[in-house]
Amino acid sequence: MVYFSLCVLIFFALIGLFQVCRGIVQALSKSKDDKEIILIEPICKHQENAEYLLRNAAWKVMWMGRFAPDKVICLDCNMDNETKKVCKLVCRDYPFMDIYTKEQMHERIESLT
C-alpha cells in the first residue's frame, strides 16, 4: 500500500512539473507581435451537433493555454432557423465567440490584407 501511494504521489508530482515547464515555455514563446488566432467552425444547413461543436471549440479556447485560439467564429453556411437559434444561444455564453455570415467573414479577411 505504501508503494502504491508513493507511485501516485510521484505521478502527480511529475504532472505538476510538466505543467510548470509547459507554462514557462508558453510564456517565453509568445511575443507581443503575435497575430490573433481564430478558430472557424463552419455550420451548414441543419446540424444536429452544432451545440457540441461550438462548446468543444470553446473548451479548446479555455483550456489550451497560450496556444489556444483567441476567437471562435461560427460561420453561417446557410444554417436553418433552428440551428441558428442554438448557435446564437451558445455564442451568448462565451465572450470570444461570434456568428459570422460568409459576407462578414469575407470582409474580415479583406480587412487583414
PDB file of N, CA and C in Angstrom:
ATOM      1  N   MET A   1       0.827  -1.202   0.000  1.00  0.00           N
ATOM      2  CA  MET A   1       0.000   0.000   0.000  1.00  0.00           C
ATOM      3  C   MET A   1       0.868   1.262   0.000  1.00  0.00           C
ATOM      4  N   VAL A   2       1.978   1.216   0.716  1.00  0.00           N
ATOM      5  CA  VAL A   2       2.879   2.367   0.781  1.00  0.00           C
ATOM      6  C   VAL A   2       3.486   2.643  -0.594  1.00  0.00           C
ATOM      7  N   TYR A   3       3.871   1.578  -1.294  1.00  0.00           N
ATOM      8  CA  TYR A   3       4.475   1.749  -2.621  1.00  0.00           C
ATOM      9  C   TYR A   3       3.462   2.324  -3.623  1.00  0.00           C
ATOM     10  N   PHE A   4       2.247   1.890  -3.525  1.00  0.00           N
ATOM     11  CA  PHE A   4       1.198   2.407  -4.402  1.00  0.00           C
ATOM     12  C   PHE A   4       0.995   3.902  -4.163  1.00  0.00           C
ATOM     13  N   SER A   5       0.919   4.306  -2.896  1.00  0.00           N
ATOM     14  CA  SER A   5       0.745   5.725  -2.553  1.00  0.00           C
ATOM     15  C   SER A   5       1.936   6.548  -3.035  1.00  0.00           C
ATOM     16  N   LEU A   6       3.118   5.993  -2.904  1.00  0.00           N
ATOM     17  CA  LEU A   6       4.315   6.685  -3.362  1.00  0.00           C
ATOM     18  C   LEU A   6       4.308   6.845  -4.884  1.00  0.00           C
ATOM     19  N   CYS A   7       3.877   5.812  -5.587  1.00  0.00           N
ATOM     20  CA  CYS A   7       3.791   5.884  -7.052  1.00  0.00           C
ATOM     21  C   CYS A   7       2.780   6.938  -7.486  1.00  0.00           C
ATOM     22  N   VAL A   8       1.641   7.001  -6.817  1.00  0.00           N
ATOM     23  CA  VAL A   8       0.623   8.001  -7.143  1.00  0.00           C
ATOM     24  C   VAL A   8       1.169   9.404  -6.875  1.00  0.00           C
ATOM     25  N   LEU A   9       1.862   9.573  -5.762  1.00  0.00           N
ATOM     26  CA  LEU A   9       2.447  10.864  -5.414  1.00  0.00           C
ATOM     27  C   LEU A   9       3.479  11.292  -6.459  1.00  0.00           C
ATOM     28  N   ILE A  10       4.331  10.376  -6.878  1.00  0.00           N
ATOM     29  CA  ILE A  10       5.349  10.685  -7.885  1.00  0.00           C
ATOM     30  C   ILE A  10       4.673  11.024  -9.221  1.00  0.00           C
ATOM     31  N   PHE A  11       3.647  10.284  -9.564  1.00  0.00           N
ATOM     32  CA  PHE A  11       2.922  10.537 -10.804  1.00  0.00           C
ATOM     33  C   PHE A  11       2.377  11.962 -10.835  1.00  0.00           C
ATOM     34  N   PHE A  12       1.697  12.375  -9.768  1.00  0.00           N
ATOM     35  CA  PHE A  12       1.126  13.723  -9.738  1.00  0.00           C
ATOM     36  C   PHE A  12       2.207  14.797  -9.644  1.00  0.00           C
ATOM     37  N   ALA A  13       3.311  14.505  -9.000  1.00  0.00           N
ATOM     38  CA  ALA A  13       4.427  15.449  -8.957  1.00  0.00           C
ATOM     39  C   ALA A  13       5.009  15.658 -10.350  1.00  0.00           C
ATOM     40  N   LEU A  14       5.113  14.593 -11.116  1.00  0.00           N
ATOM     41  CA  LEU A  14       5.613  14.713 -12.492  1.00  0.00           C
ATOM     42  C   LEU A  14       4.654  15.506 -13.369  1.00  0.00           C
ATOM     43  N   ILE A  15       3.355  15.297 -13.189  1.00  0.00           N
ATOM     44  CA  ILE A  15       2.369  16.079 -13.937  1.00  0.00           C
ATOM     45  C   ILE A  15       2.494  17.560 -13.581  1.00  0.00           C
ATOM     46  N   GLY A  16       2.643  17.858 -12.319  1.00  0.00           N
ATOM     47  CA  GLY A  16       2.812  19.248 -11.881  1.00  0.00           C
ATOM     48  C   GLY A  16       4.072  19.872 -12.451  1.00  0.00           C
ATOM     49  N   LEU A  17       5.158  19.122 -12.453  1.00  0.00           N
ATOM     50  CA  LEU A  17       6.418  19.607 -13.009  1.00  0.00           C
ATOM     51  C   LEU A  17       6.276  19.860 -14.508  1.00  0.00           C
ATOM     52  N   PHE A  18       5.597  18.950 -15.187  1.00  0.00           N
ATOM     53  CA  PHE A  18       5.354  19.125 -16.623  1.00  0.00           C
ATOM     54  C   PHE A  18       4.547  20.392 -16.877  1.00  0.00           C
ATOM     55  N   GLN A  19       3.517  20.654 -16.085  1.00  0.00           N
ATOM     56  CA  GLN A  19       2.682  21.844 -16.274  1.00  0.00           C
ATOM     57  C   GLN A  19       3.474  23.130 -16.034  1.00  0.00           C
ATOM     58  N   VAL A  20       4.362  23.120 -15.062  1.00  0.00           N
ATOM     59  CA  VAL A  20       5.195  24.295 -14.795  1.00  0.00           C
ATOM     60  C   VAL A  20       6.123  24.549 -15.981  1.00  0.00           C
ATOM     61  N   CYS A  21       6.764  23.497 -16.480  1.00  0.00           N
ATOM     62  CA  CYS A  21       7.657  23.633 -17.640  1.00  0.00           C
ATOM     63  C   CYS A  21       6.878  24.111 -18.861  1.00  0.00           C
ATOM     64  N   ARG A  22       5.696  23.578 -19.064  1.00  0.00           N
ATOM     65  CA  ARG A  22       4.853  23.979 -20.190  1.00  0.00           C
ATOM     66  C   ARG A  22       4.491  25.460 -20.091  1.00  0.00           C
ATOM     67  N   GLY A  23       4.146  25.919 -18.906  1.00  0.00           N
ATOM     68  CA  GLY A  23       3.815  27.330 -18.709  1.00  0.00           C
ATOM     69  C   GLY A  23       4.991  28.247 -18.986  1.00  0.00           C
ATOM     70  N   ILE A  24       6.178  27.833 -18.581  1.00  0.00           N
ATOM     71  CA  ILE A  24       7.376  28.634 -18.829  1.00  0.00           C
ATOM     72  C   ILE A  24       7.656  28.720 -20.333  1.00  0.00           C
ATOM     73  N   VAL A  25       7.577  27.586 -21.023  1.00  0.00           N
ATOM     74  CA  VAL A  25       7.807  27.577 -22.474  1.00  0.00           C
ATOM     75  C   VAL A  25       6.780  28.440 -23.184  1.00  0.00           C
ATOM     76  N   GLN A  26       5.525  28.360 -22.786  1.00  0.00           N
ATOM     77  CA  GLN A  26       4.483  29.165 -23.420  1.00  0.00           C
ATOM     78  C   GLN A  26       4.717  30.647 -23.178  1.00  0.00           C
ATOM     79  N   ALA A  27       5.130  31.002 -21.968  1.00  0.00           N
ATOM     80  CA  ALA A  27       5.368  32.411 -21.653  1.00  0.00           C
ATOM     81  C   ALA A  27       6.534  32.958 -22.467  1.00  0.00           C
ATOM     82  N   LEU A  28       7.546  32.154 -22.673  1.00  0.00           N
ATOM     83  CA  LEU A  28       8.713  32.604 -23.422  1.00  0.00           C
ATOM     84  C   LEU A  28       8.483  32.618 -24.928  1.00  0.00           C
ATOM     85  N   SER A  29       7.561  31.811 -25.414  1.00  0.00           N
ATOM     86  CA  SER A  29       7.388  31.693 -26.858  1.00  0.00           C
ATOM     87  C   SER A  29       6.374  32.670 -27.443  1.00  0.00           C
ATOM     88  N   LYS A  30       5.585  33.330 -26.636  1.00  0.00           N
ATOM     89  CA  LYS A  30       4.566  34.259 -27.154  1.00  0.00           C
ATOM     90  C   LYS A  30       5.157  35.661 -27.182  1.00  0.00           C
ATOM     91  N   SER A  31       5.126  36.265 -28.350  1.00  0.00           N
ATOM     92  CA  SER A  31       5.638  37.621 -28.475  1.00  0.00           C
ATOM     93  C   SER A  31       4.482  38.613 -28.536  1.00  0.00           C
ATOM     94  N   LYS A  32       4.805  39.874 -28.387  1.00  0.00           N
ATOM     95  CA  LYS A  32       3.780  40.914 -28.440  1.00  0.00           C
ATOM     96  C   LYS A  32       3.273  41.135 -29.861  1.00  0.00           C
ATOM     97  N   ASP A  33       4.039  40.696 -30.833  1.00  0.00           N
ATOM     98  CA  ASP A  33       3.671  40.897 -32.233  1.00  0.00           C
ATOM     99  C   ASP A  33       2.820  39.772 -32.797  1.00  0.00           C
ATOM    100  N   ASP A  34       2.470  38.784 -31.987  1.00  0.00           N
ATOM    101  CA  ASP A  34       1.675  37.664 -32.484  1.00  0.00           C
ATOM    102  C   ASP A  34       0.308  38.150 -32.953  1.00  0.00           C
ATOM    103  N   LYS A  35      -0.140  37.593 -34.045  1.00  0.00           N
ATOM    104  CA  LYS A  35      -1.451  37.930 -34.598  1.00  0.00           C
ATOM    105  C   LYS A  35      -2.540  37.176 -33.837  1.00  0.00           C
ATOM    106  N   GLU A  36      -3.753  37.628 -34.022  1.00  0.00           N
ATOM    107  CA  GLU A  36      -4.903  36.967 -33.408  1.00  0.00           C
ATOM    108  C   GLU A  36      -5.118  35.605 -34.070  1.00  0.00           C
ATOM    109  N   ILE A  37      -5.320  34.592 -33.268  1.00  0.00           N
ATOM    110  CA  ILE A  37      -5.587  33.250 -33.778  1.00  0.00           C
ATOM    111  C   ILE A  37      -7.093  33.029 -33.720  1.00  0.00           C
ATOM    112  N   ILE A  38      -7.667  32.649 -34.857  1.00  0.00           N
ATOM    113  CA  ILE A  38      -9.113  32.484 -34.952  1.00  0.00           C
ATOM    114  C   ILE A  38      -9.428  31.046 -35.341  1.00  0.00           C
ATOM    115  N   LEU A  39     -10.347  30.447 -34.621  1.00  0.00           N
ATOM    116  CA  LEU A  39     -10.852  29.119 -34.957  1.00  0.00           C
ATOM    117  C   LEU A  39     -12.205  29.311 -35.636  1.00  0.00           C
ATOM    118  N   ILE A  40     -12.327  28.809 -36.856  1.00  0.00           N
ATOM    119  CA  ILE A  40     -13.566  28.949 -37.612  1.00  0.00           C
ATOM    120  C   ILE A  40     -14.279  27.601 -37.621  1.00  0.00           C
ATOM    121  N   GLU A  41     -15.516  27.627 -37.167  1.00  0.00           N
ATOM    122  CA  GLU A  41     -16.345  26.421 -37.138  1.00  0.00           C
ATOM    123  C   GLU A  41     -17.506  26.612 -38.106  1.00  0.00           C
ATOM    124  N   PRO A  42     -17.394  26.077 -39.337  1.00  0.00           N
ATOM    125  CA  PRO A  42     -18.494  26.248 -40.287  1.00  0.00           C
ATOM    126  C   PRO A  42     -19.680  25.354 -39.929  1.00  0.00           C
ATOM    127  N   ILE A  43     -20.858  25.937 -39.900  1.00  0.00           N
ATOM    128  CA  ILE A  43     -22.090  25.204 -39.612  1.00  0.00           C
ATOM    129  C   ILE A  43     -23.009  25.368 -40.818  1.00  0.00           C
ATOM    130  N   CYS A  44     -23.403  24.259 -41.414  1.00  0.00           N
ATOM    131  CA  CYS A  44     -24.206  24.286 -42.633  1.00  0.00           C
ATOM    132  C   CYS A  44     -25.568  23.649 -42.409  1.00  0.00           C
ATOM    133  N   LYS A  45     -26.566  24.261 -43.024  1.00  0.00           N
ATOM    134  CA  LYS A  45     -27.945  23.755 -43.046  1.00  0.00           C
ATOM    135  C   LYS A  45     -28.410  23.336 -41.659  1.00  0.00           C
ATOM    136  N   HIS A  46     -28.979  22.144 -41.526  1.00  0.00           N
ATOM    137  CA  HIS A  46     -29.419  21.659 -40.217  1.00  0.00           C
ATOM    138  C   HIS A  46     -28.322  20.767 -39.642  1.00  0.00           C
ATOM    139  N   GLN A  47     -27.712  21.221 -38.562  1.00  0.00           N
ATOM    140  CA  GLN A  47     -26.614  20.474 -37.945  1.00  0.00           C
ATOM    141  C   GLN A  47     -27.056  20.048 -36.549  1.00  0.00           C
ATOM    142  N   GLU A  48     -27.266  18.759 -36.373  1.00  0.00           N
ATOM    143  CA  GLU A  48     -27.742  18.230 -35.096  1.00  0.00           C
ATOM    144  C   GLU A  48     -26.748  18.489 -33.961  1.00  0.00           C
ATOM    145  N   ASN A  49     -25.464  18.439 -34.276  1.00  0.00           N
ATOM    146  CA  ASN A  49     -24.455  18.566 -33.222  1.00  0.00           C
ATOM    147  C   ASN A  49     -23.804  19.950 -33.197  1.00  0.00           C
ATOM    148  N   ALA A  50     -24.517  20.980 -33.589  1.00  0.00           N
ATOM    149  CA  ALA A  50     -23.963  22.336 -33.619  1.00  0.00           C
ATOM    150  C   ALA A  50     -23.542  22.798 -32.222  1.00  0.00           C
ATOM    151  N   GLU A  51     -24.370  22.528 -31.232  1.00  0.00           N
ATOM    152  CA  GLU A  51     -24.025  22.937 -29.871  1.00  0.00           C
ATOM    153  C   GLU A  51     -22.755  22.234 -29.406  1.00  0.00           C
ATOM    154  N   TYR A  52     -22.650  20.950 -29.673  1.00  0.00           N
ATOM    155  CA  TYR A  52     -21.452  20.194 -29.298  1.00  0.00           C
ATOM    156  C   TYR A  52     -20.215  20.782 -29.975  1.00  0.00           C
ATOM    157  N   LEU A  53     -20.302  21.080 -31.264  1.00  0.00           N
ATOM    158  CA  LEU A  53     -19.154  21.617 -31.999  1.00  0.00           C
ATOM    159  C   LEU A  53     -18.681  22.943 -31.407  1.00  0.00           C
ATOM    160  N   LEU A  54     -19.633  23.829 -31.104  1.00  0.00           N
ATOM    161  CA  LEU A  54     -19.266  25.140 -30.579  1.00  0.00           C
ATOM    162  C   LEU A  54     -18.752  25.063 -29.142  1.00  0.00           C
ATOM    163  N   ARG A  55     -19.386  24.244 -28.322  1.00  0.00           N
ATOM    164  CA  ARG A  55     -18.906  24.116 -26.935  1.00  0.00           C
ATOM    165  C   ARG A  55     -17.543  23.424 -26.885  1.00  0.00           C
ATOM    166  N   ASN A  56     -17.308  22.508 -27.800  1.00  0.00           N
ATOM    167  CA  ASN A  56     -15.997  21.871 -27.886  1.00  0.00           C
ATOM    168  C   ASN A  56     -14.932  22.900 -28.288  1.00  0.00           C
ATOM    169  N   ALA A  57     -15.262  23.765 -29.220  1.00  0.00           N
ATOM    170  CA  ALA A  57     -14.338  24.834 -29.614  1.00  0.00           C
ATOM    171  C   ALA A  57     -14.078  25.782 -28.440  1.00  0.00           C
ATOM    172  N   ALA A  58     -15.119  26.097 -27.681  1.00  0.00           N
ATOM    173  CA  ALA A  58     -14.963  26.964 -26.511  1.00  0.00           C
ATOM    174  C   ALA A  58     -14.072  26.303 -25.466  1.00  0.00           C
ATOM    175  N   TRP A  59     -14.231  25.009 -25.287  1.00  0.00           N
ATOM    176  CA  TRP A  59     -13.403  24.282 -24.338  1.00  0.00           C
ATOM    177  C   TRP A  59     -11.932  24.387 -24.739  1.00  0.00           C
ATOM    178  N   LYS A  60     -11.655  24.273 -26.024  1.00  0.00           N
ATOM    179  CA  LYS A  60     -10.277  24.384 -26.507  1.00  0.00           C
ATOM    180  C   LYS A  60      -9.699  25.752 -26.171  1.00  0.00           C
ATOM    181  N   VAL A  61     -10.493  26.789 -26.381  1.00  0.00           N
ATOM    182  CA  VAL A  61     -10.022  28.142 -26.091  1.00  0.00           C
ATOM    183  C   VAL A  61      -9.711  28.299 -24.604  1.00  0.00           C
ATOM    184  N   MET A  62     -10.556  27.756 -23.760  1.00  0.00           N
ATOM    185  CA  MET A  62     -10.395  27.948 -22.322  1.00  0.00           C
ATOM    186  C   MET A  62      -9.291  27.087 -21.715  1.00  0.00           C
ATOM    187  N   TRP A  63      -8.958  25.956 -22.311  1.00  0.00           N
ATOM    188  CA  TRP A  63      -8.042  25.022 -21.671  1.00  0.00           C
ATOM    189  C   TRP A  63      -6.709  24.809 -22.379  1.00  0.00           C
ATOM    190  N   MET A  64      -6.515  25.355 -23.555  1.00  0.00           N
ATOM    191  CA  MET A  64      -5.271  25.107 -24.277  1.00  0.00           C
ATOM    192  C   MET A  64      -4.145  26.057 -23.893  1.00  0.00           C
ATOM    193  N   GLY A  65      -4.401  27.004 -23.054  1.00  0.00           N
ATOM    194  CA  GLY A  65      -3.334  27.899 -22.616  1.00  0.00           C
ATOM    195  C   GLY A  65      -3.011  28.945 -23.665  1.00  0.00           C
ATOM    196  N   ARG A  66      -1.752  29.324 -23.726  1.00  0.00           N
ATOM    197  CA  ARG A  66      -1.330  30.408 -24.609  1.00  0.00           C
ATOM    198  C   ARG A  66      -1.420  30.069 -26.092  1.00  0.00           C
ATOM    199  N   PHE A  67      -1.469  28.804 -26.425  1.00  0.00           N
ATOM    200  CA  PHE A  67      -1.545  28.410 -27.827  1.00  0.00           C
ATOM    201  C   PHE A  67      -2.984  28.256 -28.304  1.00  0.00           C
ATOM    202  N   ALA A  68      -3.921  28.568 -27.470  1.00  0.00           N
ATOM    203  CA  ALA A  68      -5.338  28.440 -27.820  1.00  0.00           C
ATOM    204  C   ALA A  68      -5.748  29.569 -28.756  1.00  0.00           C
ATOM    205  N   PRO A  69      -6.769  29.335 -29.552  1.00  0.00           N
ATOM    206  CA  PRO A  69      -7.300  30.420 -30.388  1.00  0.00           C
ATOM    207  C   PRO A  69      -7.815  31.561 -29.522  1.00  0.00           C
ATOM    208  N   ASP A  70      -7.713  32.781 -30.045  1.00  0.00           N
ATOM    209  CA  ASP A  70      -8.204  33.958 -29.323  1.00  0.00           C
ATOM    210  C   ASP A  70      -9.695  34.160 -29.538  1.00  0.00           C
ATOM    211  N   LYS A  71     -10.189  33.665 -30.657  1.00  0.00           N
ATOM    212  CA  LYS A  71     -11.584  33.896 -31.015  1.00  0.00           C
ATOM    213  C   LYS A  71     -12.119  32.674 -31.749  1.00  0.00           C
ATOM    214  N   VAL A  72     -13.400  32.407 -31.540  1.00  0.00           N
ATOM    215  CA  VAL A  72     -14.091  31.338 -32.261  1.00  0.00           C
ATOM    216  C   VAL A  72     -15.181  31.992 -33.090  1.00  0.00           C
ATOM    217  N   ILE A  73     -15.179  31.678 -34.378  1.00  0.00           N
ATOM    218  CA  ILE A  73     -16.204  32.205 -35.279  1.00  0.00           C
ATOM    219  C   ILE A  73     -17.059  31.042 -35.762  1.00  0.00           C
ATOM    220  N   CYS A  74     -18.342  31.148 -35.506  1.00  0.00           N
ATOM    221  CA  CYS A  74     -19.312  30.197 -36.039  1.00  0.00           C
ATOM    222  C   CYS A  74     -19.722  30.743 -37.401  1.00  0.00           C
ATOM    223  N   LEU A  75     -19.259  30.090 -38.451  1.00  0.00           N
ATOM    224  CA  LEU A  75     -19.517  30.570 -39.805  1.00  0.00           C
ATOM    225  C   LEU A  75     -20.850  30.033 -40.308  1.00  0.00           C
ATOM    226  N   ASP A  76     -21.764  30.941 -40.569  1.00  0.00           N
ATOM    227  CA  ASP A  76     -23.110  30.594 -41.031  1.00  0.00           C
ATOM    228  C   ASP A  76     -23.063  30.227 -42.507  1.00  0.00           C
ATOM    229  N   CYS A  77     -23.114  28.948 -42.796  1.00  0.00           N
ATOM    230  CA  CYS A  77     -23.128  28.452 -44.181  1.00  0.00           C
ATOM    231  C   CYS A  77     -24.545  27.994 -44.502  1.00  0.00           C
ATOM    232  N   ASN A  78     -25.448  28.953 -44.551  1.00  0.00           N
ATOM    233  CA  ASN A  78     -26.871  28.690 -44.832  1.00  0.00           C
ATOM    234  C   ASN A  78     -27.516  27.790 -43.776  1.00  0.00           C
ATOM    235  N   MET A  79     -27.347  28.158 -42.519  1.00  0.00           N
ATOM    236  CA  MET A  79     -27.973  27.410 -41.428  1.00  0.00           C
ATOM    237  C   MET A  79     -29.488  27.562 -41.487  1.00  0.00           C
ATOM    238  N   ASP A  80     -30.199  26.536 -41.008  1.00  0.00           N
ATOM    239  CA  ASP A  80     -31.639  26.690 -40.865  1.00  0.00           C
ATOM    240  C   ASP A  80     -31.926  27.462 -39.574  1.00  0.00           C
ATOM    241  N   ASN A  81     -33.162  27.862 -39.368  1.00  0.00           N
ATOM    242  CA  ASN A  81     -33.510  28.711 -38.219  1.00  0.00           C
ATOM    243  C   ASN A  81     -33.248  28.037 -36.882  1.00  0.00           C
ATOM    244  N   GLU A  82     -33.552  26.762 -36.777  1.00  0.00           N
ATOM    245  CA  GLU A  82     -33.349  26.045 -35.510  1.00  0.00           C
ATOM    246  C   GLU A  82     -31.864  25.990 -35.145  1.00  0.00           C
ATOM    247  N   THR A  83     -31.044  25.669 -36.102  1.00  0.00           N
ATOM    248  CA  THR A  83     -29.598  25.600 -35.856  1.00  0.00           C
ATOM    249  C   THR A  83     -29.050  26.976 -35.520  1.00  0.00           C
ATOM    250  N   LYS A  84     -29.557  28.009 -36.197  1.00  0.00           N
ATOM    251  CA  LYS A  84     -29.107  29.374 -35.928  1.00  0.00           C
ATOM    252  C   LYS A  84     -29.457  29.801 -34.501  1.00  0.00           C
ATOM    253  N   LYS A  85     -30.648  29.415 -34.028  1.00  0.00           N
ATOM    254  CA  LYS A  85     -31.038  29.735 -32.646  1.00  0.00           C
ATOM    255  C   LYS A  85     -30.096  29.070 -31.648  1.00  0.00           C
ATOM    256  N   VAL A  86     -29.776  27.813 -31.889  1.00  0.00           N
ATOM    257  CA  VAL A  86     -28.861  27.081 -30.999  1.00  0.00           C
ATOM    258  C   VAL A  86     -27.496  27.770 -30.985  1.00  0.00           C
ATOM    259  N   CYS A  87     -27.004  28.130 -32.161  1.00  0.00           N
ATOM    260  CA  CYS A  87     -25.694  28.781 -32.251  1.00  0.00           C
ATOM    261  C   CYS A  87     -25.685  30.132 -31.538  1.00  0.00           C
ATOM    262  N   LYS A  88     -26.751  30.899 -31.684  1.00  0.00           N
ATOM    263  CA  LYS A  88     -26.832  32.195 -31.009  1.00  0.00           C
ATOM    264  C   LYS A  88     -26.827  32.027 -29.497  1.00  0.00           C
ATOM    265  N   LEU A  89     -27.551  31.018 -28.996  1.00  0.00           N
ATOM    266  CA  LEU A  89     -27.575  30.774 -27.552  1.00  0.00           C
ATOM    267  C   LEU A  89     -26.196  30.377 -27.030  1.00  0.00           C
ATOM    268  N   VAL A  90     -25.501  29.538 -27.768  1.00  0.00           N
ATOM    269  CA  VAL A  90     -24.154  29.125 -27.338  1.00  0.00           C
ATOM    270  C   VAL A  90     -23.199  30.309 -27.401  1.00  0.00           C
ATOM    271  N   CYS A  91     -23.273  31.096 -28.455  1.00  0.00           N
ATOM    272  CA  CYS A  91     -22.376  32.246 -28.600  1.00  0.00           C
ATOM    273  C   CYS A  91     -22.585  33.278 -27.493  1.00  0.00           C
ATOM    274  N   ARG A  92     -23.800  33.363 -26.978  1.00  0.00           N
ATOM    275  CA  ARG A  92     -24.074  34.284 -25.875  1.00  0.00           C
ATOM    276  C   ARG A  92     -23.334  33.882 -24.600  1.00  0.00           C
ATOM    277  N   ASP A  93     -23.041  32.596 -24.467  1.00  0.00           N
ATOM    278  CA  ASP A  93     -22.370  32.102 -23.261  1.00  0.00           C
ATOM    279  C   ASP A  93     -20.879  32.409 -23.233  1.00  0.00           C
ATOM    280  N   TYR A  94     -20.282  32.718 -24.381  1.00  0.00           N
ATOM    281  CA  TYR A  94     -18.829  32.897 -24.462  1.00  0.00           C
ATOM    282  C   TYR A  94     -18.505  34.233 -25.126  1.00  0.00           C
ATOM    283  N   PRO A  95     -17.781  35.116 -24.433  1.00  0.00           N
ATOM    284  CA  PRO A  95     -17.486  36.445 -24.999  1.00  0.00           C
ATOM    285  C   PRO A  95     -16.549  36.405 -26.206  1.00  0.00           C
ATOM    286  N   PHE A  96     -15.833  35.334 -26.398  1.00  0.00           N
ATOM    287  CA  PHE A  96     -14.883  35.230 -27.508  1.00  0.00           C
ATOM    288  C   PHE A  96     -15.479  34.531 -28.724  1.00  0.00           C
ATOM    289  N   MET A  97     -16.778  34.289 -28.726  1.00  0.00           N
ATOM    290  CA  MET A  97     -17.428  33.553 -29.810  1.00  0.00           C
ATOM    291  C   MET A  97     -18.473  34.428 -30.494  1.00  0.00           C
ATOM    292  N   ASP A  98     -18.450  34.430 -31.842  1.00  0.00           N
ATOM    293  CA  ASP A  98     -19.403  35.204 -32.628  1.00  0.00           C
ATOM    294  C   ASP A  98     -19.892  34.383 -33.814  1.00  0.00           C
ATOM    295  N   ILE A  99     -21.056  34.781 -34.328  1.00  0.00           N
ATOM    296  CA  ILE A  99     -21.571  34.192 -35.564  1.00  0.00           C
ATOM    297  C   ILE A  99     -21.297  35.178 -36.695  1.00  0.00           C
ATOM    298  N   TYR A 100     -20.692  34.688 -37.763  1.00  0.00           N
ATOM    299  CA  TYR A 100     -20.426  35.498 -38.946  1.00  0.00           C
ATOM    300  C   TYR A 100     -21.125  34.868 -40.140  1.00  0.00           C
ATOM    301  N   THR A 101     -21.631  35.715 -41.009  1.00  0.00           N
ATOM    302  CA  THR A 101     -22.102  35.226 -42.301  1.00  0.00           C
ATOM    303  C   THR A 101     -20.878  35.106 -43.213  1.00  0.00           C
ATOM    304  N   LYS A 102     -21.072  34.510 -44.378  1.00  0.00           N
ATOM    305  CA  LYS A 102     -19.960  34.403 -45.325  1.00  0.00           C
ATOM    306  C   LYS A 102     -19.470  35.789 -45.748  1.00  0.00           C
ATOM    307  N   GLU A 103     -20.393  36.719 -45.911  1.00  0.00           N
ATOM    308  CA  GLU A 103     -20.033  38.070 -46.316  1.00  0.00           C
ATOM    309  C   GLU A 103     -19.219  38.769 -45.229  1.00  0.00           C
ATOM    310  N   GLN A 104     -19.644  38.626 -43.976  1.00  0.00           N
ATOM    311  CA  GLN A 104     -18.894  39.233 -42.872  1.00  0.00           C
ATOM    312  C   GLN A 104     -17.487  38.628 -42.775  1.00  0.00           C
ATOM    313  N   MET A 105     -17.382  37.328 -42.987  1.00  0.00           N
ATOM    314  CA  MET A 105     -16.080  36.669 -42.936  1.00  0.00           C
ATOM    315  C   MET A 105     -15.190  37.178 -44.065  1.00  0.00           C
ATOM    316  N   HIS A 106     -15.770  37.341 -45.236  1.00  0.00           N
ATOM    317  CA  HIS A 106     -15.015  37.867 -46.368  1.00  0.00           C
ATOM    318  C   HIS A 106     -14.504  39.280 -46.057  1.00  0.00           C
ATOM    319  N   GLU A 107     -15.356  40.124 -45.471  1.00  0.00           N
ATOM    320  CA  GLU A 107     -14.942  41.476 -45.101  1.00  0.00           C
ATOM    321  C   GLU A 107     -13.825  41.439 -44.065  1.00  0.00           C
ATOM    322  N   ARG A 108     -13.919  40.526 -43.110  1.00  0.00           N
ATOM    323  CA  ARG A 108     -12.877  40.398 -42.079  1.00  0.00           C
ATOM    324  C   ARG A 108     -11.547  40.019 -42.711  1.00  0.00           C
ATOM    325  N   ILE A 109     -11.585  39.095 -43.646  1.00  0.00           N
ATOM    326  CA  ILE A 109     -10.349  38.673 -44.318  1.00  0.00           C
ATOM    327  C   ILE A 109      -9.793  39.819 -45.163  1.00  0.00           C
ATOM    328  N   GLU A 110     -10.657  40.518 -45.851  1.00  0.00           N
ATOM    329  CA  GLU A 110     -10.217  41.652 -46.676  1.00  0.00           C
ATOM    330  C   GLU A 110      -9.576  42.744 -45.827  1.00  0.00           C
ATOM    331  N   SER A 111     -10.069  42.945 -44.603  1.00  0.00           N
ATOM    332  CA  SER A 111      -9.527  43.986 -43.728  1.00  0.00           C
ATOM    333  C   SER A 111      -8.121  43.638 -43.250  1.00  0.00           C
ATOM    334  N   LEU A 112      -7.758  42.377 -43.302  1.00  0.00           N
ATOM    335  CA  LEU A 112      -6.418  41.960 -42.873  1.00  0.00           C
ATOM    336  C   LEU A 112      -5.361  42.209 -43.937  1.00  0.00           C
ATOM    337  N   THR A 113      -5.780  42.319 -45.175  1.00  0.00           N
ATOM    338  CA  THR A 113      -4.785  42.469 -46.247  1.00  0.00           C
ATOM    339  C   THR A 113      -4.525  43.910 -46.593  1.00  0.00           C
TER     340      THR A 113
END
